[in-house]
């Protein structure tokens, strides 16, 4: 998935994103998130808003495995 793919699916929409942990091998995280503002340029990381924890997190684009 590319930065643009992820951005287009999350911008002003709520989705569950699954991504691989960079710290713990073979561990995946799933977070309900959105991109509420278009404030980021294309990058190897994407800034998303975690709806449940009410905080921003950055996810490395290459680690995203699924968006539902």
PDB file of N, CA and C in Angstrom:
ATOM      1  N   UNK A   1       0.832  -1.169   0.000  1.00  0.00           N
ATOM      2  CA  UNK A   1       0.000   0.000   0.000  1.00  0.00           C
ATOM      3  C   UNK A   1       0.885   1.242   0.000  1.00  0.00           C
ATOM      4  N   UNK A   2       0.440   2.258  -0.675  1.00  0.00           N
ATOM      5  CA  UNK A   2       1.204   3.496  -0.735  1.00  0.00           C
ATOM      6  C   UNK A   2       0.613   4.531   0.221  1.00  0.00           C
ATOM      7  N   UNK A   3       1.357   5.598   0.422  1.00  0.00           N
ATOM      8  CA  UNK A   3       0.867   6.704   1.235  1.00  0.00           C
ATOM      9  C   UNK A   3      -0.469   7.204   0.679  1.00  0.00           C
ATOM     10  N   UNK A   4      -0.546   7.383  -0.619  1.00  0.00           N
ATOM     11  CA  UNK A   4      -1.772   7.889  -1.262  1.00  0.00           C
ATOM     12  C   UNK A   4      -2.948   6.939  -1.064  1.00  0.00           C
ATOM     13  N   UNK A   5      -2.707   5.645  -1.163  1.00  0.00           N
ATOM     14  CA  UNK A   5      -3.769   4.650  -0.944  1.00  0.00           C
ATOM     15  C   UNK A   5      -4.340   4.787   0.475  1.00  0.00           C
ATOM     16  N   UNK A   6      -3.444   4.839   1.440  1.00  0.00           N
ATOM     17  CA  UNK A   6      -3.871   4.918   2.837  1.00  0.00           C
ATOM     18  C   UNK A   6      -4.589   6.236   3.098  1.00  0.00           C
ATOM     19  N   UNK A   7      -4.014   7.316   2.616  1.00  0.00           N
ATOM     20  CA  UNK A   7      -4.604   8.633   2.820  1.00  0.00           C
ATOM     21  C   UNK A   7      -6.013   8.703   2.231  1.00  0.00           C
ATOM     22  N   UNK A   8      -6.196   8.212   1.041  1.00  0.00           N
ATOM     23  CA  UNK A   8      -7.513   8.294   0.393  1.00  0.00           C
ATOM     24  C   UNK A   8      -8.572   7.462   1.122  1.00  0.00           C
ATOM     25  N   UNK A   9      -8.164   6.393   1.774  1.00  0.00           N
ATOM     26  CA  UNK A   9      -9.119   5.555   2.497  1.00  0.00           C
ATOM     27  C   UNK A   9      -9.443   6.085   3.901  1.00  0.00           C
ATOM     28  N   UNK A  10      -8.561   6.907   4.453  1.00  0.00           N
ATOM     29  CA  UNK A  10      -8.763   7.388   5.818  1.00  0.00           C
ATOM     30  C   UNK A  10      -9.188   8.847   5.923  1.00  0.00           C
ATOM     31  N   UNK A  11      -8.937   9.636   4.906  1.00  0.00           N
ATOM     32  CA  UNK A  11      -9.238  11.065   4.992  1.00  0.00           C
ATOM     33  C   UNK A  11     -10.740  11.287   5.166  1.00  0.00           C
ATOM     34  N   UNK A  12     -11.104  11.852   6.321  1.00  0.00           N
ATOM     35  CA  UNK A  12     -12.499  12.143   6.694  1.00  0.00           C
ATOM     36  C   UNK A  12     -13.385  10.902   6.753  1.00  0.00           C
ATOM     37  N   UNK A  13     -12.764   9.752   6.984  1.00  0.00           N
ATOM     38  CA  UNK A  13     -13.487   8.484   7.109  1.00  0.00           C
ATOM     39  C   UNK A  13     -12.904   7.691   8.269  1.00  0.00           C
ATOM     40  N   UNK A  14     -13.746   6.913   8.931  1.00  0.00           N
ATOM     41  CA  UNK A  14     -13.277   6.062  10.023  1.00  0.00           C
ATOM     42  C   UNK A  14     -13.093   4.641   9.506  1.00  0.00           C
ATOM     43  N   UNK A  15     -11.906   4.105   9.713  1.00  0.00           N
ATOM     44  CA  UNK A  15     -11.587   2.745   9.279  1.00  0.00           C
ATOM     45  C   UNK A  15     -10.683   2.074  10.300  1.00  0.00           C
ATOM     46  N   UNK A  16     -10.671   0.743  10.243  1.00  0.00           N
ATOM     47  CA  UNK A  16      -9.724  -0.020  11.057  1.00  0.00           C
ATOM     48  C   UNK A  16      -8.488  -0.303  10.218  1.00  0.00           C
ATOM     49  N   UNK A  17      -7.355   0.079  10.767  1.00  0.00           N
ATOM     50  CA  UNK A  17      -6.079  -0.130  10.085  1.00  0.00           C
ATOM     51  C   UNK A  17      -5.305  -1.188  10.853  1.00  0.00           C
ATOM     52  N   UNK A  18      -4.821  -2.178  10.139  1.00  0.00           N
ATOM     53  CA  UNK A  18      -3.974  -3.213  10.725  1.00  0.00           C
ATOM     54  C   UNK A  18      -2.565  -3.018  10.180  1.00  0.00           C
ATOM     55  N   UNK A  19      -1.608  -3.026  11.104  1.00  0.00           N
ATOM     56  CA  UNK A  19      -0.214  -2.837  10.691  1.00  0.00           C
ATOM     57  C   UNK A  19       0.703  -3.678  11.563  1.00  0.00           C
ATOM     58  N   UNK A  20       1.852  -3.992  11.021  1.00  0.00           N
ATOM     59  CA  UNK A  20       2.852  -4.796  11.738  1.00  0.00           C
ATOM     60  C   UNK A  20       3.670  -3.911  12.665  1.00  0.00           C
ATOM     61  N   UNK A  21       3.953  -4.441  13.839  1.00  0.00           N
ATOM     62  CA  UNK A  21       4.774  -3.729  14.809  1.00  0.00           C
ATOM     63  C   UNK A  21       6.221  -3.667  14.324  1.00  0.00           C
ATOM     64  N   UNK A  22       6.831  -2.516  14.519  1.00  0.00           N
ATOM     65  CA  UNK A  22       8.252  -2.385  14.196  1.00  0.00           C
ATOM     66  C   UNK A  22       9.127  -2.823  15.377  1.00  0.00           C
ATOM     67  N   UNK A  23       8.523  -2.888  16.554  1.00  0.00           N
ATOM     68  CA  UNK A  23       9.268  -3.221  17.768  1.00  0.00           C
ATOM     69  C   UNK A  23       9.196  -4.713  18.088  1.00  0.00           C
ATOM     70  N   UNK A  24       7.986  -5.261  18.052  1.00  0.00           N
ATOM     71  CA  UNK A  24       7.784  -6.661  18.402  1.00  0.00           C
ATOM     72  C   UNK A  24       7.570  -7.482  17.138  1.00  0.00           C
ATOM     73  N   UNK A  25       8.482  -8.385  16.867  1.00  0.00           N
ATOM     74  CA  UNK A  25       8.413  -9.207  15.668  1.00  0.00           C
ATOM     75  C   UNK A  25       7.144 -10.065  15.677  1.00  0.00           C
ATOM     76  N   UNK A  26       6.511 -10.192  14.527  1.00  0.00           N
ATOM     77  CA  UNK A  26       5.307 -11.009  14.327  1.00  0.00           C
ATOM     78  C   UNK A  26       4.092 -10.531  15.125  1.00  0.00           C
ATOM     79  N   UNK A  27       4.073  -9.273  15.502  1.00  0.00           N
ATOM     80  CA  UNK A  27       2.915  -8.731  16.205  1.00  0.00           C
ATOM     81  C   UNK A  27       2.230  -7.691  15.321  1.00  0.00           C
ATOM     82  N   UNK A  28       0.896  -7.754  15.302  1.00  0.00           N
ATOM     83  CA  UNK A  28       0.125  -6.782  14.541  1.00  0.00           C
ATOM     84  C   UNK A  28      -0.744  -5.965  15.483  1.00  0.00           C
ATOM     85  N   UNK A  29      -0.994  -4.732  15.078  1.00  0.00           N
ATOM     86  CA  UNK A  29      -1.884  -3.846  15.819  1.00  0.00           C
ATOM     87  C   UNK A  29      -3.038  -3.473  14.900  1.00  0.00           C
ATOM     88  N   UNK A  30      -4.211  -3.299  15.498  1.00  0.00           N
ATOM     89  CA  UNK A  30      -5.365  -2.813  14.751  1.00  0.00           C
ATOM     90  C   UNK A  30      -5.923  -1.619  15.504  1.00  0.00           C
ATOM     91  N   UNK A  31      -6.144  -0.547  14.777  1.00  0.00           N
ATOM     92  CA  UNK A  31      -6.605   0.686  15.401  1.00  0.00           C
ATOM     93  C   UNK A  31      -7.710   1.304  14.553  1.00  0.00           C
ATOM     94  N   UNK A  32      -8.756   1.794  15.225  1.00  0.00           N
ATOM     95  CA  UNK A  32      -9.821   2.530  14.557  1.00  0.00           C
ATOM     96  C   UNK A  32      -9.336   3.962  14.432  1.00  0.00           C
ATOM     97  N   UNK A  33      -9.209   4.431  13.206  1.00  0.00           N
ATOM     98  CA  UNK A  33      -8.610   5.749  13.033  1.00  0.00           C
ATOM     99  C   UNK A  33      -9.184   6.499  11.836  1.00  0.00           C
ATOM    100  N   UNK A  34      -8.736   7.738  11.717  1.00  0.00           N
ATOM    101  CA  UNK A  34      -9.136   8.621  10.640  1.00  0.00           C
ATOM    102  C   UNK A  34      -8.013   9.610  10.387  1.00  0.00           C
ATOM    103  N   UNK A  35      -8.140  10.348   9.304  1.00  0.00           N
ATOM    104  CA  UNK A  35      -7.281  11.503   9.056  1.00  0.00           C
ATOM    105  C   UNK A  35      -8.235  12.691   8.968  1.00  0.00           C
ATOM    106  N   UNK A  36      -8.341  13.467  10.054  1.00  0.00           N
ATOM    107  CA  UNK A  36      -9.336  14.534  10.099  1.00  0.00           C
ATOM    108  C   UNK A  36      -8.959  15.804   9.338  1.00  0.00           C
ATOM    109  N   UNK A  37      -7.654  15.996   9.099  1.00  0.00           N
ATOM    110  CA  UNK A  37      -7.177  17.192   8.395  1.00  0.00           C
ATOM    111  C   UNK A  37      -6.124  16.787   7.382  1.00  0.00           C
ATOM    112  N   UNK A  38      -6.099  17.493   6.282  1.00  0.00           N
ATOM    113  CA  UNK A  38      -5.104  17.219   5.250  1.00  0.00           C
ATOM    114  C   UNK A  38      -3.873  18.087   5.520  1.00  0.00           C
ATOM    115  N   UNK A  39      -3.023  17.614   6.437  1.00  0.00           N
ATOM    116  CA  UNK A  39      -1.883  18.427   6.880  1.00  0.00           C
ATOM    117  C   UNK A  39      -0.528  17.812   6.535  1.00  0.00           C
ATOM    118  N   UNK A  40      -0.521  16.650   5.907  1.00  0.00           N
ATOM    119  CA  UNK A  40       0.735  15.932   5.708  1.00  0.00           C
ATOM    120  C   UNK A  40       1.020  15.724   4.227  1.00  0.00           C
ATOM    121  N   UNK A  41       2.286  15.892   3.875  1.00  0.00           N
ATOM    122  CA  UNK A  41       2.735  15.564   2.525  1.00  0.00           C
ATOM    123  C   UNK A  41       3.128  14.103   2.462  1.00  0.00           C
ATOM    124  N   UNK A  42       3.246  13.593   1.257  1.00  0.00           N
ATOM    125  CA  UNK A  42       3.617  12.192   1.083  1.00  0.00           C
ATOM    126  C   UNK A  42       4.923  11.890   1.799  1.00  0.00           C
ATOM    127  N   UNK A  43       4.938  10.750   2.491  1.00  0.00           N
ATOM    128  CA  UNK A  43       6.066  10.377   3.333  1.00  0.00           C
ATOM    129  C   UNK A  43       6.089   8.865   3.513  1.00  0.00           C
ATOM    130  N   UNK A  44       7.118   8.359   4.203  1.00  0.00           N
ATOM    131  CA  UNK A  44       7.167   6.927   4.520  1.00  0.00           C
ATOM    132  C   UNK A  44       6.366   6.624   5.791  1.00  0.00           C
ATOM    133  N   UNK A  45       5.899   7.667   6.475  1.00  0.00           N
ATOM    134  CA  UNK A  45       5.015   7.511   7.638  1.00  0.00           C
ATOM    135  C   UNK A  45       3.760   8.332   7.404  1.00  0.00           C
ATOM    136  N   UNK A  46       2.670   7.875   8.024  1.00  0.00           N
ATOM    137  CA  UNK A  46       1.416   8.601   7.903  1.00  0.00           C
ATOM    138  C   UNK A  46       0.865   8.868   9.297  1.00  0.00           C
ATOM    139  N   UNK A  47       0.405  10.086   9.493  1.00  0.00           N
ATOM    140  CA  UNK A  47      -0.130  10.508  10.783  1.00  0.00           C
ATOM    141  C   UNK A  47      -1.641  10.286  10.774  1.00  0.00           C
ATOM    142  N   UNK A  48      -2.113   9.486  11.724  1.00  0.00           N
ATOM    143  CA  UNK A  48      -3.546   9.179  11.814  1.00  0.00           C
ATOM    144  C   UNK A  48      -4.036   9.488  13.216  1.00  0.00           C
ATOM    145  N   UNK A  49      -5.331   9.705  13.322  1.00  0.00           N
ATOM    146  CA  UNK A  49      -5.934   9.978  14.627  1.00  0.00           C
ATOM    147  C   UNK A  49      -6.608   8.723  15.136  1.00  0.00           C
ATOM    148  N   UNK A  50      -6.139   8.229  16.281  1.00  0.00           N
ATOM    149  CA  UNK A  50      -6.695   7.049  16.943  1.00  0.00           C
ATOM    150  C   UNK A  50      -7.978   7.488  17.653  1.00  0.00           C
ATOM    151  N   UNK A  51      -9.107   7.044  17.166  1.00  0.00           N
ATOM    152  CA  UNK A  51     -10.408   7.484  17.669  1.00  0.00           C
ATOM    153  C   UNK A  51     -10.666   6.988  19.097  1.00  0.00           C
ATOM    154  N   UNK A  52     -10.301   5.773  19.389  1.00  0.00           N
ATOM    155  CA  UNK A  52     -10.553   5.196  20.715  1.00  0.00           C
ATOM    156  C   UNK A  52      -9.717   5.891  21.792  1.00  0.00           C
ATOM    157  N   UNK A  53      -8.427   6.054  21.537  1.00  0.00           N
ATOM    158  CA  UNK A  53      -7.524   6.648  22.528  1.00  0.00           C
ATOM    159  C   UNK A  53      -7.414   8.168  22.423  1.00  0.00           C
ATOM    160  N   UNK A  54      -8.068   8.737  21.422  1.00  0.00           N
ATOM    161  CA  UNK A  54      -8.094  10.193  21.215  1.00  0.00           C
ATOM    162  C   UNK A  54      -6.690  10.799  21.162  1.00  0.00           C
ATOM    163  N   UNK A  55      -5.870  10.210  20.314  1.00  0.00           N
ATOM    164  CA  UNK A  55      -4.499  10.691  20.160  1.00  0.00           C
ATOM    165  C   UNK A  55      -4.027  10.433  18.730  1.00  0.00           C
ATOM    166  N   UNK A  56      -3.019  11.181  18.318  1.00  0.00           N
ATOM    167  CA  UNK A  56      -2.416  10.955  17.011  1.00  0.00           C
ATOM    168  C   UNK A  56      -1.308   9.917  17.127  1.00  0.00           C
ATOM    169  N   UNK A  57      -1.191   9.085  16.102  1.00  0.00           N
ATOM    170  CA  UNK A  57      -0.085   8.132  16.031  1.00  0.00           C
ATOM    171  C   UNK A  57       0.478   8.172  14.612  1.00  0.00           C
ATOM    172  N   UNK A  58       1.748   7.893  14.489  1.00  0.00           N
ATOM    173  CA  UNK A  58       2.320   7.786  13.151  1.00  0.00           C
ATOM    174  C   UNK A  58       2.613   6.320  12.861  1.00  0.00           C
ATOM    175  N   UNK A  59       2.247   5.927  11.666  1.00  0.00           N
ATOM    176  CA  UNK A  59       2.402   4.538  11.239  1.00  0.00           C
ATOM    177  C   UNK A  59       3.292   4.521  10.008  1.00  0.00           C
ATOM    178  N   UNK A  60       4.266   3.647  10.011  1.00  0.00           N
ATOM    179  CA  UNK A  60       5.107   3.500   8.827  1.00  0.00           C
ATOM    180  C   UNK A  60       4.276   2.859   7.717  1.00  0.00           C
ATOM    181  N   UNK A  61       4.244   3.499   6.572  1.00  0.00           N
ATOM    182  CA  UNK A  61       3.394   3.076   5.453  1.00  0.00           C
ATOM    183  C   UNK A  61       3.649   1.629   5.068  1.00  0.00           C
ATOM    184  N   UNK A  62       4.886   1.216   5.036  1.00  0.00           N
ATOM    185  CA  UNK A  62       5.224  -0.156   4.598  1.00  0.00           C
ATOM    186  C   UNK A  62       4.712  -1.235   5.542  1.00  0.00           C
ATOM    187  N   UNK A  63       4.300  -0.865   6.757  1.00  0.00           N
ATOM    188  CA  UNK A  63       3.841  -1.862   7.720  1.00  0.00           C
ATOM    189  C   UNK A  63       2.323  -2.105   7.660  1.00  0.00           C
ATOM    190  N   UNK A  64       1.597  -1.249   6.946  1.00  0.00           N
ATOM    191  CA  UNK A  64       0.139  -1.395   6.861  1.00  0.00           C
ATOM    192  C   UNK A  64      -0.203  -2.625   6.023  1.00  0.00           C
ATOM    193  N   UNK A  65      -1.018  -3.501   6.608  1.00  0.00           N
ATOM    194  CA  UNK A  65      -1.391  -4.741   5.909  1.00  0.00           C
ATOM    195  C   UNK A  65      -2.852  -4.774   5.472  1.00  0.00           C
ATOM    196  N   UNK A  66      -3.707  -3.979   6.166  1.00  0.00           N
ATOM    197  CA  UNK A  66      -5.125  -4.027   5.819  1.00  0.00           C
ATOM    198  C   UNK A  66      -5.834  -2.774   6.322  1.00  0.00           C
ATOM    199  N   UNK A  67      -6.838  -2.351   5.567  1.00  0.00           N
ATOM    200  CA  UNK A  67      -7.732  -1.264   5.980  1.00  0.00           C
ATOM    201  C   UNK A  67      -9.143  -1.727   5.708  1.00  0.00           C
ATOM    202  N   UNK A  68      -9.980  -1.740   6.754  1.00  0.00           N
ATOM    203  CA  UNK A  68     -11.369  -2.189   6.578  1.00  0.00           C
ATOM    204  C   UNK A  68     -12.331  -1.173   7.152  1.00  0.00           C
TER     205      UNK A  68
END
